[in-house]
Full PDB file with SEQRES, HELIX, SHEET, SSBOND, CRYST1, ORIGX, SCALE, CONECT and MASTER records, all heavy atoms in Angstrom:
SEQRES   1 A   42  TYR ASP LYS ILE ILE ILE MET ALA ASP ALA ASP VAL ASP          
SEQRES   2 A   42  GLY SER HIS ILE CYS THR LEU LEU LEU THR LEU PHE TYR          
SEQRES   3 A   42  ARG PHE MET PRO GLU LEU ILE TYR GLU GLY HIS VAL TYR          
SEQRES   4 A   42  ILE ALA MET                                                  
HELIX    1 AA1 VAL A   12  PHE A   28  1                                  17    
HELIX    2 AA2 PRO A   30  TYR A   34  1                                   5    
SHEET    1 AA1 2 ILE A   4  ILE A   6  0                                        
SHEET    2 AA1 2 VAL A  38  ILE A  40  1                                        
CRYST1    1.000    1.000    1.000  90.00  90.00  90.00 P 1           1          
ORIGX1      1.000000  0.000000  0.000000        0.00000                         
ORIGX2      0.000000  1.000000  0.000000        0.00000                         
ORIGX3      0.000000  0.000000  1.000000        0.00000                         
SCALE1      1.000000  0.000000  0.000000        0.00000                         
SCALE2      0.000000  1.000000  0.000000        0.00000                         
SCALE3      0.000000  0.000000  1.000000        0.00000                         
ATOM      1  N   TYR A   1      -2.004 -13.998  14.479  1.00  0.00           N  
ATOM      2  CA  TYR A   1      -0.552 -14.037  14.265  1.00  0.00           C  
ATOM      3  C   TYR A   1       0.072 -15.148  15.108  1.00  0.00           C  
ATOM      4  O   TYR A   1      -0.227 -15.272  16.300  1.00  0.00           O  
ATOM      5  CB  TYR A   1       0.093 -12.701  14.654  1.00  0.00           C  
ATOM      6  CG  TYR A   1      -0.531 -11.505  13.984  1.00  0.00           C  
ATOM      7  CD1 TYR A   1      -1.536 -10.779  14.619  1.00  0.00           C  
ATOM      8  CD2 TYR A   1      -0.133 -11.107  12.709  1.00  0.00           C  
ATOM      9  CE1 TYR A   1      -2.128  -9.687  14.008  1.00  0.00           C  
ATOM     10  CE2 TYR A   1      -0.717 -10.013  12.087  1.00  0.00           C  
ATOM     11  CZ  TYR A   1      -1.717  -9.313  12.742  1.00  0.00           C  
ATOM     12  OH  TYR A   1      -2.296  -8.240  12.131  1.00  0.00           O  
ATOM     13  N   ASP A   2       0.947 -15.932  14.504  1.00  0.00           N  
ATOM     14  CA  ASP A   2       1.620 -16.995  15.248  1.00  0.00           C  
ATOM     15  C   ASP A   2       2.618 -16.420  16.239  1.00  0.00           C  
ATOM     16  O   ASP A   2       2.817 -16.959  17.318  1.00  0.00           O  
ATOM     17  CB  ASP A   2       2.345 -17.938  14.278  1.00  0.00           C  
ATOM     18  CG  ASP A   2       3.022 -19.081  15.010  1.00  0.00           C  
ATOM     19  OD1 ASP A   2       2.306 -19.875  15.652  1.00  0.00           O  
ATOM     20  OD2 ASP A   2       4.271 -19.167  14.966  1.00  0.00           O  
ATOM     21  N   LYS A   3       3.263 -15.320  15.855  1.00  0.00           N  
ATOM     22  CA  LYS A   3       4.252 -14.688  16.736  1.00  0.00           C  
ATOM     23  C   LYS A   3       3.832 -13.251  17.045  1.00  0.00           C  
ATOM     24  O   LYS A   3       3.532 -12.474  16.148  1.00  0.00           O  
ATOM     25  CB  LYS A   3       5.647 -14.679  16.088  1.00  0.00           C  
ATOM     26  CG  LYS A   3       6.321 -16.029  15.999  1.00  0.00           C  
ATOM     27  CD  LYS A   3       7.738 -15.883  15.420  1.00  0.00           C  
ATOM     28  CE  LYS A   3       8.481 -17.210  15.437  1.00  0.00           C  
ATOM     29  NZ  LYS A   3       7.911 -18.162  14.501  1.00  0.00           N  
ATOM     30  N   ILE A   4       3.805 -12.922  18.337  1.00  0.00           N  
ATOM     31  CA  ILE A   4       3.622 -11.551  18.797  1.00  0.00           C  
ATOM     32  C   ILE A   4       4.967 -11.123  19.364  1.00  0.00           C  
ATOM     33  O   ILE A   4       5.421 -11.667  20.375  1.00  0.00           O  
ATOM     34  CB  ILE A   4       2.517 -11.449  19.859  1.00  0.00           C  
ATOM     35  CG1 ILE A   4       1.172 -11.867  19.250  1.00  0.00           C  
ATOM     36  CG2 ILE A   4       2.435 -10.048  20.441  1.00  0.00           C  
ATOM     37  CD1 ILE A   4       0.085 -12.081  20.273  1.00  0.00           C  
ATOM     38  N   ILE A   5       5.620 -10.178  18.696  1.00  0.00           N  
ATOM     39  CA  ILE A   5       7.010  -9.846  19.022  1.00  0.00           C  
ATOM     40  C   ILE A   5       7.086  -8.427  19.580  1.00  0.00           C  
ATOM     41  O   ILE A   5       6.731  -7.454  18.903  1.00  0.00           O  
ATOM     42  CB  ILE A   5       7.916  -9.981  17.779  1.00  0.00           C  
ATOM     43  CG1 ILE A   5       7.811 -11.411  17.212  1.00  0.00           C  
ATOM     44  CG2 ILE A   5       9.365  -9.638  18.125  1.00  0.00           C  
ATOM     45  CD1 ILE A   5       8.423 -11.571  15.838  1.00  0.00           C  
ATOM     46  N   ILE A   6       7.527  -8.324  20.829  1.00  0.00           N  
ATOM     47  CA  ILE A   6       7.718  -7.011  21.454  1.00  0.00           C  
ATOM     48  C   ILE A   6       9.076  -6.474  21.007  1.00  0.00           C  
ATOM     49  O   ILE A   6      10.111  -7.107  21.202  1.00  0.00           O  
ATOM     50  CB  ILE A   6       7.671  -7.120  22.988  1.00  0.00           C  
ATOM     51  CG1 ILE A   6       6.322  -7.702  23.445  1.00  0.00           C  
ATOM     52  CG2 ILE A   6       7.927  -5.767  23.632  1.00  0.00           C  
ATOM     53  CD1 ILE A   6       6.274  -8.079  24.910  1.00  0.00           C  
ATOM     54  N   MET A   7       9.069  -5.300  20.398  1.00  0.00           N  
ATOM     55  CA  MET A   7      10.298  -4.719  19.852  1.00  0.00           C  
ATOM     56  C   MET A   7      10.529  -3.370  20.530  1.00  0.00           C  
ATOM     57  O   MET A   7      10.021  -2.338  20.084  1.00  0.00           O  
ATOM     58  CB  MET A   7      10.184  -4.566  18.336  1.00  0.00           C  
ATOM     59  CG  MET A   7      11.503  -4.415  17.624  1.00  0.00           C  
ATOM     60  SD  MET A   7      11.361  -4.748  15.844  1.00  0.00           S  
ATOM     61  CE  MET A   7      10.758  -3.193  15.226  1.00  0.00           C  
ATOM     62  N   ALA A   8      11.271  -3.402  21.642  1.00  0.00           N  
ATOM     63  CA  ALA A   8      11.529  -2.184  22.406  1.00  0.00           C  
ATOM     64  C   ALA A   8      13.019  -1.880  22.417  1.00  0.00           C  
ATOM     65  O   ALA A   8      13.852  -2.757  22.145  1.00  0.00           O  
ATOM     66  CB  ALA A   8      11.012  -2.338  23.836  1.00  0.00           C  
ATOM     67  N   ASP A   9      13.357  -0.640  22.741  1.00  0.00           N  
ATOM     68  CA  ASP A   9      14.764  -0.241  22.793  1.00  0.00           C  
ATOM     69  C   ASP A   9      15.513  -1.037  23.863  1.00  0.00           C  
ATOM     70  O   ASP A   9      14.926  -1.463  24.866  1.00  0.00           O  
ATOM     71  CB  ASP A   9      14.889   1.252  23.118  1.00  0.00           C  
ATOM     72  CG  ASP A   9      14.386   2.125  21.975  1.00  0.00           C  
ATOM     73  OD1 ASP A   9      14.269   1.602  20.853  1.00  0.00           O  
ATOM     74  OD2 ASP A   9      14.108   3.320  22.207  1.00  0.00           O  
ATOM     75  N   ALA A  10      16.824  -1.212  23.648  1.00  0.00           N  
ATOM     76  CA  ALA A  10      17.655  -1.984  24.580  1.00  0.00           C  
ATOM     77  C   ALA A  10      18.148  -1.093  25.706  1.00  0.00           C  
ATOM     78  O   ALA A  10      19.346  -0.958  25.950  1.00  0.00           O  
ATOM     79  CB  ALA A  10      18.832  -2.598  23.828  1.00  0.00           C  
ATOM     80  N   ASP A  11      17.203  -0.452  26.429  1.00  0.00           N  
ATOM     81  CA  ASP A  11      17.574   0.379  27.567  1.00  0.00           C  
ATOM     82  C   ASP A  11      16.528   0.195  28.660  1.00  0.00           C  
ATOM     83  O   ASP A  11      15.619  -0.642  28.540  1.00  0.00           O  
ATOM     84  CB  ASP A  11      17.698   1.852  27.154  1.00  0.00           C  
ATOM     85  CG  ASP A  11      16.400   2.416  26.562  1.00  0.00           C  
ATOM     86  OD1 ASP A  11      15.338   1.761  26.706  1.00  0.00           O  
ATOM     87  OD2 ASP A  11      16.443   3.493  25.952  1.00  0.00           O  
ATOM     88  N   VAL A  12      16.652   0.956  29.753  1.00  0.00           N  
ATOM     89  CA  VAL A  12      15.759   0.777  30.897  1.00  0.00           C  
ATOM     90  C   VAL A  12      14.311   1.094  30.526  1.00  0.00           C  
ATOM     91  O   VAL A  12      13.383   0.375  30.908  1.00  0.00           O  
ATOM     92  CB  VAL A  12      16.232   1.651  32.082  1.00  0.00           C  
ATOM     93  CG1 VAL A  12      15.211   1.626  33.205  1.00  0.00           C  
ATOM     94  CG2 VAL A  12      17.579   1.156  32.583  1.00  0.00           C  
ATOM     95  N   ASP A  13      14.083   2.180  29.756  1.00  0.00           N  
ATOM     96  CA  ASP A  13      12.721   2.513  29.329  1.00  0.00           C  
ATOM     97  C   ASP A  13      12.119   1.400  28.474  1.00  0.00           C  
ATOM     98  O   ASP A  13      10.944   1.047  28.612  1.00  0.00           O  
ATOM     99  CB  ASP A  13      12.715   3.829  28.538  1.00  0.00           C  
ATOM    100  CG  ASP A  13      12.702   5.045  29.459  1.00  0.00           C  
ATOM    101  OD1 ASP A  13      12.328   4.875  30.628  1.00  0.00           O  
ATOM    102  OD2 ASP A  13      13.080   6.137  29.008  1.00  0.00           O  
ATOM    103  N   GLY A  14      12.953   0.846  27.570  1.00  0.00           N  
ATOM    104  CA  GLY A  14      12.493  -0.262  26.742  1.00  0.00           C  
ATOM    105  C   GLY A  14      12.127  -1.473  27.578  1.00  0.00           C  
ATOM    106  O   GLY A  14      11.119  -2.150  27.322  1.00  0.00           O  
ATOM    107  N   SER A  15      12.921  -1.757  28.609  1.00  0.00           N  
ATOM    108  CA  SER A  15      12.626  -2.883  29.508  1.00  0.00           C  
ATOM    109  C   SER A  15      11.322  -2.655  30.259  1.00  0.00           C  
ATOM    110  O   SER A  15      10.542  -3.588  30.477  1.00  0.00           O  
ATOM    111  CB  SER A  15      13.772  -3.074  30.506  1.00  0.00           C  
ATOM    112  OG  SER A  15      14.964  -3.410  29.842  1.00  0.00           O  
ATOM    113  N   HIS A  16      11.073  -1.403  30.647  1.00  0.00           N  
ATOM    114  CA  HIS A  16       9.831  -1.091  31.368  1.00  0.00           C  
ATOM    115  C   HIS A  16       8.615  -1.281  30.463  1.00  0.00           C  
ATOM    116  O   HIS A  16       7.597  -1.858  30.874  1.00  0.00           O  
ATOM    117  CB  HIS A  16       9.882   0.348  31.898  1.00  0.00           C  
ATOM    118  CG  HIS A  16       8.764   0.663  32.845  1.00  0.00           C  
ATOM    119  ND1 HIS A  16       8.291   1.935  33.050  1.00  0.00           N  
ATOM    120  CD2 HIS A  16       8.002  -0.140  33.631  1.00  0.00           C  
ATOM    121  CE1 HIS A  16       7.288   1.896  33.914  1.00  0.00           C  
ATOM    122  NE2 HIS A  16       7.098   0.648  34.289  1.00  0.00           N  
ATOM    123  N   ILE A  17       8.718  -0.808  29.222  1.00  0.00           N  
ATOM    124  CA  ILE A  17       7.629  -0.996  28.253  1.00  0.00           C  
ATOM    125  C   ILE A  17       7.361  -2.484  28.046  1.00  0.00           C  
ATOM    126  O   ILE A  17       6.209  -2.940  28.035  1.00  0.00           O  
ATOM    127  CB  ILE A  17       7.974  -0.309  26.914  1.00  0.00           C  
ATOM    128  CG1 ILE A  17       7.928   1.216  27.087  1.00  0.00           C  
ATOM    129  CG2 ILE A  17       7.021  -0.747  25.804  1.00  0.00           C  
ATOM    130  CD1 ILE A  17       8.543   1.992  25.954  1.00  0.00           C  
ATOM    131  N   CYS A  18       8.446  -3.244  27.913  1.00  0.00           N  
ATOM    132  CA  CYS A  18       8.339  -4.698  27.733  1.00  0.00           C  
ATOM    133  C   CYS A  18       7.629  -5.335  28.933  1.00  0.00           C  
ATOM    134  O   CYS A  18       6.746  -6.178  28.777  1.00  0.00           O  
ATOM    135  CB  CYS A  18       9.746  -5.269  27.563  1.00  0.00           C  
ATOM    136  SG  CYS A  18       9.765  -6.997  27.130  1.00  0.00           S  
ATOM    137  N   THR A  19       7.979  -4.919  30.147  1.00  0.00           N  
ATOM    138  CA  THR A  19       7.369  -5.457  31.364  1.00  0.00           C  
ATOM    139  C   THR A  19       5.886  -5.132  31.433  1.00  0.00           C  
ATOM    140  O   THR A  19       5.064  -5.976  31.815  1.00  0.00           O  
ATOM    141  CB  THR A  19       8.092  -4.894  32.602  1.00  0.00           C  
ATOM    142  OG1 THR A  19       9.474  -5.200  32.514  1.00  0.00           O  
ATOM    143  CG2 THR A  19       7.535  -5.489  33.881  1.00  0.00           C  
ATOM    144  N   LEU A  20       5.516  -3.906  31.068  1.00  0.00           N  
ATOM    145  CA  LEU A  20       4.097  -3.520  31.072  1.00  0.00           C  
ATOM    146  C   LEU A  20       3.292  -4.354  30.085  1.00  0.00           C  
ATOM    147  O   LEU A  20       2.167  -4.779  30.382  1.00  0.00           O  
ATOM    148  CB  LEU A  20       3.969  -2.027  30.733  1.00  0.00           C  
ATOM    149  CG  LEU A  20       4.469  -1.039  31.800  1.00  0.00           C  
ATOM    150  CD1 LEU A  20       4.573   0.363  31.224  1.00  0.00           C  
ATOM    151  CD2 LEU A  20       3.554  -1.042  33.027  1.00  0.00           C  
ATOM    152  N   LEU A  21       3.860  -4.604  28.908  1.00  0.00           N  
ATOM    153  CA  LEU A  21       3.176  -5.435  27.910  1.00  0.00           C  
ATOM    154  C   LEU A  21       3.024  -6.867  28.390  1.00  0.00           C  
ATOM    155  O   LEU A  21       1.960  -7.485  28.241  1.00  0.00           O  
ATOM    156  CB  LEU A  21       3.938  -5.392  26.584  1.00  0.00           C  
ATOM    157  CG  LEU A  21       3.825  -4.083  25.787  1.00  0.00           C  
ATOM    158  CD1 LEU A  21       4.864  -4.036  24.683  1.00  0.00           C  
ATOM    159  CD2 LEU A  21       2.416  -3.922  25.195  1.00  0.00           C  
ATOM    160  N   LEU A  22       4.084  -7.417  28.987  1.00  0.00           N  
ATOM    161  CA  LEU A  22       4.025  -8.791  29.481  1.00  0.00           C  
ATOM    162  C   LEU A  22       3.013  -8.912  30.621  1.00  0.00           C  
ATOM    163  O   LEU A  22       2.325  -9.931  30.746  1.00  0.00           O  
ATOM    164  CB  LEU A  22       5.406  -9.254  29.945  1.00  0.00           C  
ATOM    165  CG  LEU A  22       6.442  -9.462  28.842  1.00  0.00           C  
ATOM    166  CD1 LEU A  22       7.792  -9.846  29.443  1.00  0.00           C  
ATOM    167  CD2 LEU A  22       5.995 -10.523  27.844  1.00  0.00           C  
ATOM    168  N   THR A  23       2.905  -7.882  31.463  1.00  0.00           N  
ATOM    169  CA  THR A  23       1.898  -7.891  32.533  1.00  0.00           C  
ATOM    170  C   THR A  23       0.492  -7.925  31.940  1.00  0.00           C  
ATOM    171  O   THR A  23      -0.379  -8.669  32.407  1.00  0.00           O  
ATOM    172  CB  THR A  23       2.062  -6.650  33.435  1.00  0.00           C  
ATOM    173  OG1 THR A  23       3.398  -6.602  33.939  1.00  0.00           O  
ATOM    174  CG2 THR A  23       1.091  -6.678  34.604  1.00  0.00           C  
ATOM    175  N   LEU A  24       0.273  -7.135  30.881  1.00  0.00           N  
ATOM    176  CA  LEU A  24      -1.024  -7.156  30.188  1.00  0.00           C  
ATOM    177  C   LEU A  24      -1.328  -8.544  29.643  1.00  0.00           C  
ATOM    178  O   LEU A  24      -2.423  -9.085  29.861  1.00  0.00           O  
ATOM    179  CB  LEU A  24      -1.014  -6.141  29.047  1.00  0.00           C  
ATOM    180  CG  LEU A  24      -2.195  -6.209  28.066  1.00  0.00           C  
ATOM    181  CD1 LEU A  24      -3.483  -5.773  28.740  1.00  0.00           C  
ATOM    182  CD2 LEU A  24      -1.927  -5.371  26.814  1.00  0.00           C  
ATOM    183  N   PHE A  25      -0.366  -9.137  28.936  1.00  0.00           N  
ATOM    184  CA  PHE A  25      -0.599 -10.458  28.342  1.00  0.00           C  
ATOM    185  C   PHE A  25      -0.844 -11.512  29.420  1.00  0.00           C  
ATOM    186  O   PHE A  25      -1.727 -12.361  29.295  1.00  0.00           O  
ATOM    187  CB  PHE A  25       0.600 -10.881  27.481  1.00  0.00           C  
ATOM    188  CG  PHE A  25       0.851  -9.985  26.299  1.00  0.00           C  
ATOM    189  CD1 PHE A  25       2.110  -9.920  25.708  1.00  0.00           C  
ATOM    190  CD2 PHE A  25      -0.140  -9.185  25.778  1.00  0.00           C  
ATOM    191  CE1 PHE A  25       2.357  -9.098  24.630  1.00  0.00           C  
ATOM    192  CE2 PHE A  25       0.083  -8.347  24.695  1.00  0.00           C  
ATOM    193  CZ  PHE A  25       1.342  -8.298  24.123  1.00  0.00           C  
ATOM    194  N   TYR A  26      -0.045 -11.462  30.499  1.00  0.00           N  
ATOM    195  CA  TYR A  26      -0.140 -12.485  31.548  1.00  0.00           C  
ATOM    196  C   TYR A  26      -1.473 -12.420  32.284  1.00  0.00           C  
ATOM    197  O   TYR A  26      -2.064 -13.448  32.620  1.00  0.00           O  
ATOM    198  CB  TYR A  26       1.025 -12.324  32.523  1.00  0.00           C  
ATOM    199  CG  TYR A  26       1.024 -13.339  33.635  1.00  0.00           C  
ATOM    200  CD1 TYR A  26       0.998 -14.705  33.356  1.00  0.00           C  
ATOM    201  CD2 TYR A  26       1.034 -12.950  34.977  1.00  0.00           C  
ATOM    202  CE1 TYR A  26       0.987 -15.648  34.367  1.00  0.00           C  
ATOM    203  CE2 TYR A  26       1.024 -13.882  35.991  1.00  0.00           C  
ATOM    204  CZ  TYR A  26       0.997 -15.226  35.681  1.00  0.00           C  
ATOM    205  OH  TYR A  26       0.988 -16.157  36.686  1.00  0.00           O  
ATOM    206  N   ARG A  27      -1.966 -11.201  32.530  1.00  0.00           N  
ATOM    207  CA  ARG A  27      -3.206 -11.063  33.294  1.00  0.00           C  
ATOM    208  C   ARG A  27      -4.464 -11.189  32.435  1.00  0.00           C  
ATOM    209  O   ARG A  27      -5.492 -11.677  32.911  1.00  0.00           O  
ATOM    210  CB  ARG A  27      -3.229  -9.713  34.016  1.00  0.00           C  
ATOM    211  CG  ARG A  27      -2.254  -9.612  35.186  1.00  0.00           C  
ATOM    212  CD  ARG A  27      -2.457 -10.726  36.179  1.00  0.00           C  
ATOM    213  NE  ARG A  27      -1.702 -10.500  37.407  1.00  0.00           N  
ATOM    214  CZ  ARG A  27      -1.383 -11.448  38.262  1.00  0.00           C  
ATOM    215  NH1 ARG A  27      -1.746 -12.710  38.027  1.00  0.00           N  
ATOM    216  NH2 ARG A  27      -0.706 -11.176  39.363  1.00  0.00           N  
ATOM    217  N   PHE A  28      -4.419 -10.775  31.162  1.00  0.00           N  
ATOM    218  CA  PHE A  28      -5.634 -10.727  30.346  1.00  0.00           C  
ATOM    219  C   PHE A  28      -5.615 -11.654  29.131  1.00  0.00           C  
ATOM    220  O   PHE A  28      -6.652 -11.908  28.549  1.00  0.00           O  
ATOM    221  CB  PHE A  28      -5.912  -9.287  29.888  1.00  0.00           C  
ATOM    222  CG  PHE A  28      -6.380  -8.397  30.992  1.00  0.00           C  
ATOM    223  CD1 PHE A  28      -5.473  -7.729  31.782  1.00  0.00           C  
ATOM    224  CD2 PHE A  28      -7.719  -8.264  31.270  1.00  0.00           C  
ATOM    225  CE1 PHE A  28      -5.894  -6.920  32.825  1.00  0.00           C  
ATOM    226  CE2 PHE A  28      -8.160  -7.459  32.301  1.00  0.00           C  
ATOM    227  CZ  PHE A  28      -7.243  -6.790  33.088  1.00  0.00           C  
ATOM    228  N   MET A  29      -4.430 -12.140  28.741  1.00  0.00           N  
ATOM    229  CA  MET A  29      -4.344 -13.050  27.600  1.00  0.00           C  
ATOM    230  C   MET A  29      -3.276 -14.125  27.876  1.00  0.00           C  
ATOM    231  O   MET A  29      -2.345 -14.301  27.101  1.00  0.00           O  
ATOM    232  CB  MET A  29      -3.988 -12.276  26.324  1.00  0.00           C  
ATOM    233  CG  MET A  29      -5.037 -11.263  25.900  1.00  0.00           C  
ATOM    234  SD  MET A  29      -4.478 -10.213  24.526  1.00  0.00           S  
ATOM    235  CE  MET A  29      -4.159  -8.682  25.395  1.00  0.00           C  
ATOM    236  N   PRO A  30      -3.385 -14.843  28.996  1.00  0.00           N  
ATOM    237  CA  PRO A  30      -2.299 -15.739  29.407  1.00  0.00           C  
ATOM    238  C   PRO A  30      -2.003 -16.863  28.428  1.00  0.00           C  
ATOM    239  O   PRO A  30      -0.865 -17.333  28.346  1.00  0.00           O  
ATOM    240  CB  PRO A  30      -2.772 -16.287  30.760  1.00  0.00           C  
ATOM    241  CG  PRO A  30      -4.262 -16.100  30.749  1.00  0.00           C  
ATOM    242  CD  PRO A  30      -4.515 -14.874  29.958  1.00  0.00           C  
ATOM    243  N   GLU A  31      -3.011 -17.301  27.679  1.00  0.00           N  
ATOM    244  CA  GLU A  31      -2.765 -18.403  26.734  1.00  0.00           C  
ATOM    245  C   GLU A  31      -1.753 -18.015  25.663  1.00  0.00           C  
ATOM    246  O   GLU A  31      -1.081 -18.887  25.102  1.00  0.00           O  
ATOM    247  CB  GLU A  31      -4.078 -18.853  26.083  1.00  0.00           C  
ATOM    248  CG  GLU A  31      -4.925 -19.726  26.981  1.00  0.00           C  
ATOM    249  CD  GLU A  31      -6.122 -20.293  26.225  1.00  0.00           C  
ATOM    250  OE1 GLU A  31      -5.918 -21.033  25.246  1.00  0.00           O  
ATOM    251  OE2 GLU A  31      -7.258 -19.981  26.607  1.00  0.00           O  
ATOM    252  N   LEU A  32      -1.645 -16.732  25.356  1.00  0.00           N  
ATOM    253  CA  LEU A  32      -0.633 -16.292  24.394  1.00  0.00           C  
ATOM    254  C   LEU A  32       0.756 -16.724  24.861  1.00  0.00           C  
ATOM    255  O   LEU A  32       1.591 -17.149  24.057  1.00  0.00           O  
ATOM    256  CB  LEU A  32      -0.662 -14.766  24.237  1.00  0.00           C  
ATOM    257  CG  LEU A  32      -1.898 -14.126  23.593  1.00  0.00           C  
ATOM    258  CD1 LEU A  32      -1.734 -12.621  23.544  1.00  0.00           C  
ATOM    259  CD2 LEU A  32      -2.145 -14.690  22.200  1.00  0.00           C  
ATOM    260  N   ILE A  33       1.005 -16.600  26.163  1.00  0.00           N  
ATOM    261  CA  ILE A  33       2.311 -16.981  26.717  1.00  0.00           C  
ATOM    262  C   ILE A  33       2.393 -18.487  26.882  1.00  0.00           C  
ATOM    263  O   ILE A  33       3.372 -19.113  26.477  1.00  0.00           O  
ATOM    264  CB  ILE A  33       2.542 -16.273  28.067  1.00  0.00           C  
ATOM    265  CG1 ILE A  33       2.533 -14.754  27.872  1.00  0.00           C  
ATOM    266  CG2 ILE A  33       3.876 -16.713  28.677  1.00  0.00           C  
ATOM    267  CD1 ILE A  33       2.665 -13.947  29.158  1.00  0.00           C  
ATOM    268  N   TYR A  34       1.361 -19.101  27.470  1.00  0.00           N  
ATOM    269  CA  TYR A  34       1.400 -20.551  27.725  1.00  0.00           C  
ATOM    270  C   TYR A  34       1.580 -21.355  26.436  1.00  0.00           C  
ATOM    271  O   TYR A  34       2.213 -22.404  26.443  1.00  0.00           O  
ATOM    272  CB  TYR A  34       0.126 -21.005  28.443  1.00  0.00           C  
ATOM    273  CG  TYR A  34       0.118 -20.701  29.921  1.00  0.00           C  
ATOM    274  CD1 TYR A  34      -0.832 -19.846  30.472  1.00  0.00           C  
ATOM    275  CD2 TYR A  34       1.075 -21.241  30.775  1.00  0.00           C  
ATOM    276  CE1 TYR A  34      -0.839 -19.550  31.826  1.00  0.00           C  
ATOM    277  CE2 TYR A  34       1.080 -20.958  32.131  1.00  0.00           C  
ATOM    278  CZ  TYR A  34       0.120 -20.110  32.645  1.00  0.00           C  
ATOM    279  OH  TYR A  34       0.128 -19.816  33.987  1.00  0.00           O  
ATOM    280  N   GLU A  35       1.029 -20.859  25.321  1.00  0.00           N  
ATOM    281  CA  GLU A  35       1.124 -21.605  24.069  1.00  0.00           C  
ATOM    282  C   GLU A  35       2.257 -21.105  23.172  1.00  0.00           C  
ATOM    283  O   GLU A  35       2.345 -21.465  22.000  1.00  0.00           O  
ATOM    284  CB  GLU A  35      -0.218 -21.569  23.338  1.00  0.00           C  
ATOM    285  CG  GLU A  35      -1.341 -22.192  24.170  1.00  0.00           C  
ATOM    286  CD  GLU A  35      -2.485 -22.713  23.336  1.00  0.00           C  
ATOM    287  OE1 GLU A  35      -2.386 -22.704  22.092  1.00  0.00           O  
ATOM    288  OE2 GLU A  35      -3.497 -23.120  23.935  1.00  0.00           O  
ATOM    289  N   GLY A  36       3.142 -20.273  23.731  1.00  0.00           N  
ATOM    290  CA  GLY A  36       4.396 -19.942  23.052  1.00  0.00           C  
ATOM    291  C   GLY A  36       4.296 -18.956  21.909  1.00  0.00           C  
ATOM    292  O   GLY A  36       5.068 -19.029  20.959  1.00  0.00           O  
ATOM    293  N   HIS A  37       3.362 -17.999  21.997  1.00  0.00           N  
ATOM    294  CA  HIS A  37       3.197 -17.027  20.906  1.00  0.00           C  
ATOM    295  C   HIS A  37       3.898 -15.693  21.169  1.00  0.00           C  
ATOM    296  O   HIS A  37       3.936 -14.849  20.278  1.00  0.00           O  
ATOM    297  CB  HIS A  37       1.714 -16.761  20.660  1.00  0.00           C  
ATOM    298  CG  HIS A  37       0.959 -17.939  20.133  1.00  0.00           C  
ATOM    299  ND1 HIS A  37       1.144 -18.445  18.862  1.00  0.00           N  
ATOM    300  CD2 HIS A  37       0.026 -18.739  20.724  1.00  0.00           C  
ATOM    301  CE1 HIS A  37       0.350 -19.489  18.681  1.00  0.00           C  
ATOM    302  NE2 HIS A  37      -0.332 -19.697  19.799  1.00  0.00           N  
ATOM    303  N   VAL A  38       4.398 -15.469  22.373  1.00  0.00           N  
ATOM    304  CA  VAL A  38       4.956 -14.161  22.733  1.00  0.00           C  
ATOM    305  C   VAL A  38       6.480 -14.213  22.713  1.00  0.00           C  
ATOM    306  O   VAL A  38       7.095 -15.087  23.325  1.00  0.00           O  
ATOM    307  CB  VAL A  38       4.454 -13.695  24.115  1.00  0.00           C  
ATOM    308  CG1 VAL A  38       5.049 -12.333  24.470  1.00  0.00           C  
ATOM    309  CG2 VAL A  38       2.930 -13.627  24.142  1.00  0.00           C  
ATOM    310  N   TYR A  39       7.067 -13.237  22.018  1.00  0.00           N  
ATOM    311  CA  TYR A  39       8.527 -13.175  21.877  1.00  0.00           C  
ATOM    312  C   TYR A  39       9.008 -11.757  22.180  1.00  0.00           C  
ATOM    313  O   TYR A  39       8.245 -10.792  22.080  1.00  0.00           O  
ATOM    314  CB  TYR A  39       8.955 -13.531  20.449  1.00  0.00           C  
ATOM    315  CG  TYR A  39       8.678 -14.956  20.052  1.00  0.00           C  
ATOM    316  CD1 TYR A  39       7.396 -15.364  19.683  1.00  0.00           C  
ATOM    317  CD2 TYR A  39       9.701 -15.906  20.029  1.00  0.00           C  
ATOM    318  CE1 TYR A  39       7.132 -16.679  19.306  1.00  0.00           C  
ATOM    319  CE2 TYR A  39       9.449 -17.219  19.653  1.00  0.00           C  
ATOM    320  CZ  TYR A  39       8.167 -17.597  19.293  1.00  0.00           C  
ATOM    321  OH  TYR A  39       7.924 -18.893  18.930  1.00  0.00           O  
ATOM    322  N   ILE A  40      10.281 -11.658  22.538  1.00  0.00           N  
ATOM    323  CA  ILE A  40      10.920 -10.351  22.711  1.00  0.00           C  
ATOM    324  C   ILE A  40      12.065 -10.256  21.716  1.00  0.00           C  
ATOM    325  O   ILE A  40      12.936 -11.143  21.671  1.00  0.00           O  
ATOM    326  CB  ILE A  40      11.449 -10.174  24.149  1.00  0.00           C  
ATOM    327  CG1 ILE A  40      10.293 -10.237  25.150  1.00  0.00           C  
ATOM    328  CG2 ILE A  40      12.200  -8.848  24.286  1.00  0.00           C  
ATOM    329  CD1 ILE A  40      10.731 -10.278  26.594  1.00  0.00           C  
ATOM    330  N   ALA A  41      12.044  -9.224  20.871  1.00  0.00           N  
ATOM    331  CA  ALA A  41      13.131  -9.018  19.908  1.00  0.00           C  
ATOM    332  C   ALA A  41      14.375  -8.551  20.649  1.00  0.00           C  
ATOM    333  O   ALA A  41      14.286  -7.860  21.667  1.00  0.00           O  
ATOM    334  CB  ALA A  41      12.713  -7.982  18.861  1.00  0.00           C  
ATOM    335  N   MET A  42      15.536  -8.924  20.135  1.00  0.00           N  
ATOM    336  CA  MET A  42      16.812  -8.562  20.751  1.00  0.00           C  
ATOM    337  C   MET A  42      17.596  -7.654  19.808  1.00  0.00           C  
ATOM    338  O   MET A  42      18.437  -8.123  19.035  1.00  0.00           O  
ATOM    339  CB  MET A  42      17.615  -9.834  21.074  1.00  0.00           C  
ATOM    340  CG  MET A  42      16.912 -10.803  22.004  1.00  0.00           C  
ATOM    341  SD  MET A  42      16.605 -10.100  23.628  1.00  0.00           S  
ATOM    342  CE  MET A  42      18.277  -9.926  24.208  1.00  0.00           C  
TER     343      MET A  42                                                      
MASTER        0    0    0    2    2    0    0    6  342    1    0    4          
END                                                                             
């Protein structure tokens, strides 16, 4: 997939889920972020 889009609720729990996912990507799949494939839906 060209775009991996995190779609979480616009509240504190949603922000926490988003942070946990970004930590996973950054530590185990960093190229996804470096090459611009990770997005957060608003």
